[in-house]
Amino acid sequence: MLERQERTAFLLLLAVCMIVAGAHLVLTGIGKAAFASPYSSQSREGDLVTLQGTVEKVTVTQSGGHLILRVDGIPVFVPASARGDLPVLAGDRVAVLGTIQIYQGEREIVVQSRGDLRVLF
């Protein structure tokens, strides 16, 4: 049988676990888009941003099968793991959620997962 202090510690630990699990469920339901800001020329490296626009150009990298989209003049890097089987063509309207990164001196948005790139109809 547990002593009084052990029971108190166990109940506190159980309460903390329930709070963390609840917070995880709430934040998962909200999604990371709620914490993103619209892309602008003032967006800094590391910022989580959203962008909606028209795909001007689609390039598949020579190695890895990654995509580089040009959306309203802004480069968007889509790793093969985030691309999935989603066909993206020039002229498509897309919604992008990603992180600003500097690559070879140019700012780009890097998509992290499949759900962060949507083709709008």
N, C-alpha and C. Protein backbone atom coordinates (compact mmCIF):
# COMPACT_ATOMS: atom_id res chain seq x y z
N MET A 1 0.84 -1.17 0.00
CA MET A 1 0.00 0.00 0.00
C MET A 1 0.89 1.23 0.00
N LEU A 2 0.45 2.26 -0.67
CA LEU A 2 1.21 3.49 -0.78
C LEU A 2 1.01 4.38 0.45
N GLU A 3 2.08 5.02 0.83
CA GLU A 3 2.00 5.98 1.93
C GLU A 3 1.29 7.24 1.42
N ARG A 4 0.92 8.09 2.35
CA ARG A 4 0.17 9.31 2.02
C ARG A 4 0.96 10.19 1.04
N GLN A 5 2.25 10.39 1.26
CA GLN A 5 3.07 11.22 0.38
C GLN A 5 3.20 10.59 -1.01
N GLU A 6 3.31 9.28 -1.05
CA GLU A 6 3.42 8.59 -2.33
C GLU A 6 2.12 8.72 -3.12
N ARG A 7 0.97 8.60 -2.44
CA ARG A 7 -0.32 8.77 -3.11
C ARG A 7 -0.46 10.18 -3.66
N THR A 8 -0.05 11.17 -2.87
CA THR A 8 -0.12 12.57 -3.32
C THR A 8 0.77 12.78 -4.55
N ALA A 9 1.98 12.26 -4.50
CA ALA A 9 2.89 12.39 -5.64
C ALA A 9 2.33 11.69 -6.87
N PHE A 10 1.76 10.52 -6.68
CA PHE A 10 1.16 9.77 -7.80
C PHE A 10 -0.01 10.54 -8.41
N LEU A 11 -0.87 11.10 -7.58
CA LEU A 11 -2.02 11.86 -8.09
C LEU A 11 -1.57 13.13 -8.81
N LEU A 12 -0.55 13.81 -8.29
CA LEU A 12 -0.01 14.98 -8.98
C LEU A 12 0.58 14.60 -10.33
N LEU A 13 1.31 13.51 -10.39
CA LEU A 13 1.88 13.03 -11.65
C LEU A 13 0.78 12.68 -12.64
N LEU A 14 -0.25 12.03 -12.17
CA LEU A 14 -1.39 11.67 -13.01
C LEU A 14 -2.08 12.93 -13.54
N ALA A 15 -2.25 13.93 -12.70
CA ALA A 15 -2.89 15.18 -13.12
C ALA A 15 -2.05 15.89 -14.18
N VAL A 16 -0.73 15.92 -14.00
CA VAL A 16 0.15 16.55 -14.98
C VAL A 16 0.06 15.82 -16.32
N CYS A 17 0.04 14.50 -16.28
CA CYS A 17 -0.08 13.70 -17.52
C CYS A 17 -1.39 14.01 -18.24
N MET A 18 -2.46 14.15 -17.49
CA MET A 18 -3.76 14.45 -18.11
C MET A 18 -3.76 15.85 -18.71
N ILE A 19 -3.14 16.81 -18.04
CA ILE A 19 -3.06 18.17 -18.57
C ILE A 19 -2.24 18.20 -19.86
N VAL A 20 -1.11 17.51 -19.87
CA VAL A 20 -0.27 17.47 -21.07
C VAL A 20 -1.01 16.79 -22.23
N ALA A 21 -1.69 15.69 -21.95
CA ALA A 21 -2.46 15.00 -22.99
C ALA A 21 -3.58 15.90 -23.52
N GLY A 22 -4.26 16.60 -22.65
CA GLY A 22 -5.32 17.51 -23.08
C GLY A 22 -4.79 18.65 -23.93
N ALA A 23 -3.66 19.22 -23.51
CA ALA A 23 -3.04 20.30 -24.28
C ALA A 23 -2.61 19.80 -25.66
N HIS A 24 -2.09 18.59 -25.72
CA HIS A 24 -1.69 18.00 -27.00
C HIS A 24 -2.89 17.87 -27.93
N LEU A 25 -4.00 17.38 -27.40
CA LEU A 25 -5.21 17.22 -28.22
C LEU A 25 -5.72 18.57 -28.71
N VAL A 26 -5.73 19.57 -27.87
CA VAL A 26 -6.21 20.90 -28.26
C VAL A 26 -5.30 21.49 -29.34
N LEU A 27 -3.99 21.44 -29.12
CA LEU A 27 -3.06 22.02 -30.09
C LEU A 27 -3.07 21.26 -31.41
N THR A 28 -3.24 19.96 -31.37
CA THR A 28 -3.35 19.18 -32.60
C THR A 28 -4.61 19.56 -33.36
N GLY A 29 -5.69 19.76 -32.63
CA GLY A 29 -6.95 20.17 -33.27
C GLY A 29 -6.87 21.54 -33.88
N ILE A 30 -6.18 22.45 -33.24
CA ILE A 30 -6.02 23.81 -33.76
C ILE A 30 -5.15 23.79 -35.01
N GLY A 31 -4.08 23.02 -34.97
CA GLY A 31 -3.15 22.94 -36.10
C GLY A 31 -2.13 24.06 -36.04
N LYS A 32 -1.04 23.86 -36.76
CA LYS A 32 0.04 24.84 -36.72
C LYS A 32 -0.27 26.09 -37.54
N ALA A 33 -1.25 26.01 -38.43
CA ALA A 33 -1.61 27.19 -39.24
C ALA A 33 -2.07 28.35 -38.36
N ALA A 34 -2.64 28.05 -37.20
CA ALA A 34 -3.10 29.10 -36.30
C ALA A 34 -1.94 29.93 -35.76
N PHE A 35 -0.74 29.39 -35.82
CA PHE A 35 0.43 30.09 -35.30
C PHE A 35 1.26 30.73 -36.41
N ALA A 36 0.80 30.63 -37.65
CA ALA A 36 1.52 31.19 -38.80
C ALA A 36 1.02 32.59 -39.12
N SER A 37 1.88 33.34 -39.78
CA SER A 37 1.48 34.67 -40.25
C SER A 37 1.53 34.67 -41.77
N PRO A 38 0.77 35.54 -42.41
CA PRO A 38 0.83 35.62 -43.87
C PRO A 38 2.23 36.01 -44.34
N TYR A 39 2.68 35.42 -45.44
CA TYR A 39 4.00 35.74 -45.97
C TYR A 39 4.06 37.20 -46.40
N SER A 40 5.17 37.86 -46.08
CA SER A 40 5.41 39.22 -46.54
C SER A 40 6.90 39.40 -46.76
N SER A 41 7.28 40.49 -47.36
CA SER A 41 8.69 40.75 -47.59
C SER A 41 9.45 40.98 -46.27
N GLN A 42 8.71 41.21 -45.18
CA GLN A 42 9.34 41.38 -43.87
C GLN A 42 9.45 40.07 -43.09
N SER A 43 8.92 38.97 -43.64
CA SER A 43 9.04 37.67 -42.95
C SER A 43 10.51 37.33 -42.81
N ARG A 44 10.87 36.82 -41.62
CA ARG A 44 12.27 36.52 -41.33
C ARG A 44 12.52 35.02 -41.40
N GLU A 45 13.78 34.68 -41.54
CA GLU A 45 14.18 33.28 -41.57
C GLU A 45 13.70 32.60 -40.28
N GLY A 46 13.08 31.44 -40.44
CA GLY A 46 12.56 30.69 -39.30
C GLY A 46 11.10 30.96 -39.01
N ASP A 47 10.52 32.01 -39.60
CA ASP A 47 9.10 32.31 -39.39
C ASP A 47 8.22 31.26 -40.05
N LEU A 48 7.13 30.91 -39.38
CA LEU A 48 6.11 30.03 -39.96
C LEU A 48 5.12 30.92 -40.68
N VAL A 49 4.95 30.69 -41.99
CA VAL A 49 4.13 31.58 -42.81
C VAL A 49 3.12 30.79 -43.65
N THR A 50 2.10 31.50 -44.09
CA THR A 50 1.14 30.95 -45.04
C THR A 50 1.22 31.77 -46.32
N LEU A 51 0.89 31.13 -47.42
CA LEU A 51 0.89 31.80 -48.71
C LEU A 51 -0.16 31.15 -49.59
N GLN A 52 -1.00 31.96 -50.20
CA GLN A 52 -1.94 31.48 -51.21
C GLN A 52 -1.61 32.19 -52.50
N GLY A 53 -1.54 31.45 -53.58
CA GLY A 53 -1.23 32.08 -54.85
C GLY A 53 -1.28 31.09 -55.99
N THR A 54 -0.85 31.56 -57.15
CA THR A 54 -0.86 30.76 -58.37
C THR A 54 0.54 30.24 -58.66
N VAL A 55 0.62 28.97 -58.97
CA VAL A 55 1.90 28.35 -59.32
C VAL A 55 2.30 28.83 -60.70
N GLU A 56 3.46 29.48 -60.78
CA GLU A 56 3.97 29.97 -62.05
C GLU A 56 4.87 28.95 -62.73
N LYS A 57 5.59 28.16 -61.92
CA LYS A 57 6.56 27.22 -62.47
C LYS A 57 6.72 26.05 -61.51
N VAL A 58 6.87 24.85 -62.06
CA VAL A 58 7.11 23.65 -61.27
C VAL A 58 8.40 23.01 -61.77
N THR A 59 9.34 22.79 -60.86
CA THR A 59 10.60 22.15 -61.21
C THR A 59 10.79 20.94 -60.29
N VAL A 60 11.16 19.80 -60.87
CA VAL A 60 11.49 18.61 -60.09
C VAL A 60 13.01 18.55 -60.01
N THR A 61 13.54 18.40 -58.79
CA THR A 61 14.99 18.36 -58.64
C THR A 61 15.56 17.11 -59.31
N GLN A 62 16.82 17.22 -59.72
CA GLN A 62 17.46 16.09 -60.41
C GLN A 62 17.67 14.90 -59.49
N SER A 63 17.83 15.16 -58.21
CA SER A 63 17.99 14.05 -57.27
C SER A 63 16.97 14.21 -56.15
N GLY A 64 16.37 13.15 -55.76
CA GLY A 64 15.46 13.16 -54.63
C GLY A 64 14.00 13.34 -54.96
N GLY A 65 13.66 13.81 -56.14
CA GLY A 65 12.26 13.97 -56.51
C GLY A 65 11.54 15.09 -55.75
N HIS A 66 12.30 16.07 -55.28
CA HIS A 66 11.71 17.20 -54.59
C HIS A 66 11.12 18.17 -55.61
N LEU A 67 10.18 18.99 -55.17
CA LEU A 67 9.60 20.01 -56.04
C LEU A 67 10.07 21.39 -55.62
N ILE A 68 10.28 22.24 -56.59
CA ILE A 68 10.48 23.65 -56.33
C ILE A 68 9.40 24.37 -57.12
N LEU A 69 8.51 25.00 -56.39
CA LEU A 69 7.41 25.74 -57.01
C LEU A 69 7.74 27.22 -56.97
N ARG A 70 7.31 27.94 -57.96
CA ARG A 70 7.38 29.39 -57.91
C ARG A 70 5.93 29.84 -57.83
N VAL A 71 5.55 30.34 -56.63
CA VAL A 71 4.17 30.75 -56.35
C VAL A 71 4.16 32.28 -56.24
N ASP A 72 3.54 32.92 -57.19
CA ASP A 72 3.50 34.39 -57.23
C ASP A 72 4.89 35.00 -57.02
N GLY A 73 5.89 34.38 -57.64
CA GLY A 73 7.25 34.89 -57.58
C GLY A 73 8.06 34.42 -56.39
N ILE A 74 7.46 33.65 -55.50
CA ILE A 74 8.15 33.20 -54.29
C ILE A 74 8.49 31.73 -54.42
N PRO A 75 9.77 31.35 -54.24
CA PRO A 75 10.13 29.94 -54.31
C PRO A 75 9.60 29.16 -53.11
N VAL A 76 9.06 27.98 -53.40
CA VAL A 76 8.54 27.09 -52.36
C VAL A 76 9.19 25.73 -52.57
N PHE A 77 9.92 25.25 -51.56
CA PHE A 77 10.58 23.94 -51.63
C PHE A 77 9.67 22.90 -50.99
N VAL A 78 9.37 21.85 -51.75
CA VAL A 78 8.51 20.77 -51.26
C VAL A 78 9.32 19.48 -51.30
N PRO A 79 9.77 18.98 -50.15
CA PRO A 79 10.52 17.72 -50.14
C PRO A 79 9.65 16.57 -50.64
N ALA A 80 10.29 15.57 -51.20
CA ALA A 80 9.54 14.42 -51.73
C ALA A 80 8.64 13.79 -50.67
N SER A 81 9.09 13.80 -49.42
CA SER A 81 8.30 13.20 -48.35
C SER A 81 7.00 13.99 -48.10
N ALA A 82 7.01 15.28 -48.39
CA ALA A 82 5.81 16.11 -48.20
C ALA A 82 4.97 16.16 -49.47
N ARG A 83 5.54 15.81 -50.57
CA ARG A 83 4.85 15.90 -51.86
C ARG A 83 3.78 14.84 -52.00
N GLY A 84 4.10 13.63 -51.62
CA GLY A 84 3.14 12.54 -51.79
C GLY A 84 2.78 12.36 -53.25
N ASP A 85 1.53 12.05 -53.51
CA ASP A 85 1.08 11.84 -54.89
C ASP A 85 0.29 13.04 -55.42
N LEU A 86 0.41 14.16 -54.74
CA LEU A 86 -0.33 15.36 -55.13
C LEU A 86 0.25 15.95 -56.42
N PRO A 87 -0.55 15.98 -57.49
CA PRO A 87 -0.06 16.61 -58.72
C PRO A 87 -0.21 18.13 -58.61
N VAL A 88 0.86 18.84 -58.84
CA VAL A 88 0.84 20.30 -58.83
C VAL A 88 1.32 20.76 -60.20
N LEU A 89 0.54 21.59 -60.86
CA LEU A 89 0.87 22.06 -62.20
C LEU A 89 0.90 23.58 -62.24
N ALA A 90 1.64 24.11 -63.19
CA ALA A 90 1.65 25.56 -63.40
C ALA A 90 0.21 26.01 -63.66
N GLY A 91 -0.18 27.09 -63.04
CA GLY A 91 -1.54 27.61 -63.18
C GLY A 91 -2.46 27.21 -62.04
N ASP A 92 -2.06 26.20 -61.25
CA ASP A 92 -2.87 25.79 -60.10
C ASP A 92 -2.82 26.87 -59.02
N ARG A 93 -3.93 27.04 -58.31
CA ARG A 93 -3.95 27.89 -57.11
C ARG A 93 -3.63 26.97 -55.94
N VAL A 94 -2.71 27.40 -55.09
CA VAL A 94 -2.29 26.58 -53.96
C VAL A 94 -2.30 27.38 -52.67
N ALA A 95 -2.40 26.66 -51.58
CA ALA A 95 -2.23 27.20 -50.24
C ALA A 95 -1.03 26.49 -49.64
N VAL A 96 -0.09 27.26 -49.13
CA VAL A 96 1.18 26.73 -48.62
C VAL A 96 1.35 27.17 -47.17
N LEU A 97 1.84 26.25 -46.35
CA LEU A 97 2.22 26.54 -44.97
C LEU A 97 3.65 26.05 -44.83
N GLY A 98 4.56 26.94 -44.42
CA GLY A 98 5.94 26.51 -44.30
C GLY A 98 6.78 27.51 -43.54
N THR A 99 8.05 27.19 -43.47
CA THR A 99 9.02 27.99 -42.73
C THR A 99 9.94 28.72 -43.72
N ILE A 100 10.23 29.98 -43.42
CA ILE A 100 11.14 30.75 -44.26
C ILE A 100 12.56 30.24 -44.04
N GLN A 101 13.26 30.04 -45.15
CA GLN A 101 14.64 29.59 -45.10
C GLN A 101 15.41 30.35 -46.18
N ILE A 102 16.68 30.60 -45.92
CA ILE A 102 17.55 31.21 -46.92
C ILE A 102 18.34 30.09 -47.58
N TYR A 103 18.22 29.98 -48.91
CA TYR A 103 18.95 28.95 -49.66
C TYR A 103 19.67 29.64 -50.80
N GLN A 104 20.98 29.52 -50.81
CA GLN A 104 21.84 30.14 -51.82
C GLN A 104 21.50 31.62 -51.98
N GLY A 105 21.31 32.29 -50.84
CA GLY A 105 21.08 33.72 -50.81
C GLY A 105 19.66 34.16 -51.13
N GLU A 106 18.76 33.23 -51.38
CA GLU A 106 17.38 33.59 -51.73
C GLU A 106 16.42 33.02 -50.68
N ARG A 107 15.44 33.84 -50.31
CA ARG A 107 14.43 33.38 -49.36
C ARG A 107 13.47 32.43 -50.05
N GLU A 108 13.11 31.37 -49.34
CA GLU A 108 12.13 30.42 -49.85
C GLU A 108 11.28 29.91 -48.69
N ILE A 109 10.13 29.37 -49.04
CA ILE A 109 9.28 28.73 -48.04
C ILE A 109 9.51 27.24 -48.15
N VAL A 110 9.77 26.61 -47.02
CA VAL A 110 10.01 25.16 -47.00
C VAL A 110 8.80 24.49 -46.35
N VAL A 111 8.16 23.61 -47.11
CA VAL A 111 7.01 22.85 -46.63
C VAL A 111 7.52 21.65 -45.83
N GLN A 112 6.88 21.35 -44.70
CA GLN A 112 7.35 20.27 -43.84
C GLN A 112 6.61 18.95 -44.03
N SER A 113 5.29 19.02 -44.28
CA SER A 113 4.53 17.79 -44.36
C SER A 113 3.47 17.88 -45.47
N ARG A 114 2.92 16.77 -45.83
CA ARG A 114 1.97 16.65 -46.93
C ARG A 114 0.76 17.58 -46.76
N GLY A 115 0.27 17.73 -45.56
CA GLY A 115 -0.89 18.57 -45.32
C GLY A 115 -0.62 20.06 -45.42
N ASP A 116 0.65 20.44 -45.56
CA ASP A 116 1.02 21.86 -45.62
C ASP A 116 0.94 22.44 -47.03
N LEU A 117 0.64 21.61 -48.02
CA LEU A 117 0.49 22.06 -49.40
C LEU A 117 -0.86 21.55 -49.91
N ARG A 118 -1.73 22.48 -50.29
CA ARG A 118 -3.04 22.11 -50.82
C ARG A 118 -3.28 22.79 -52.15
N VAL A 119 -3.84 22.04 -53.08
CA VAL A 119 -4.28 22.64 -54.34
C VAL A 119 -5.71 23.10 -54.13
N LEU A 120 -5.97 24.37 -54.43
CA LEU A 120 -7.30 24.94 -54.24
C LEU A 120 -8.08 24.83 -55.55
N PHE A 121 -9.34 24.54 -55.45
CA PHE A 121 -10.18 24.39 -56.66
C PHE A 121 -11.16 25.52 -56.78
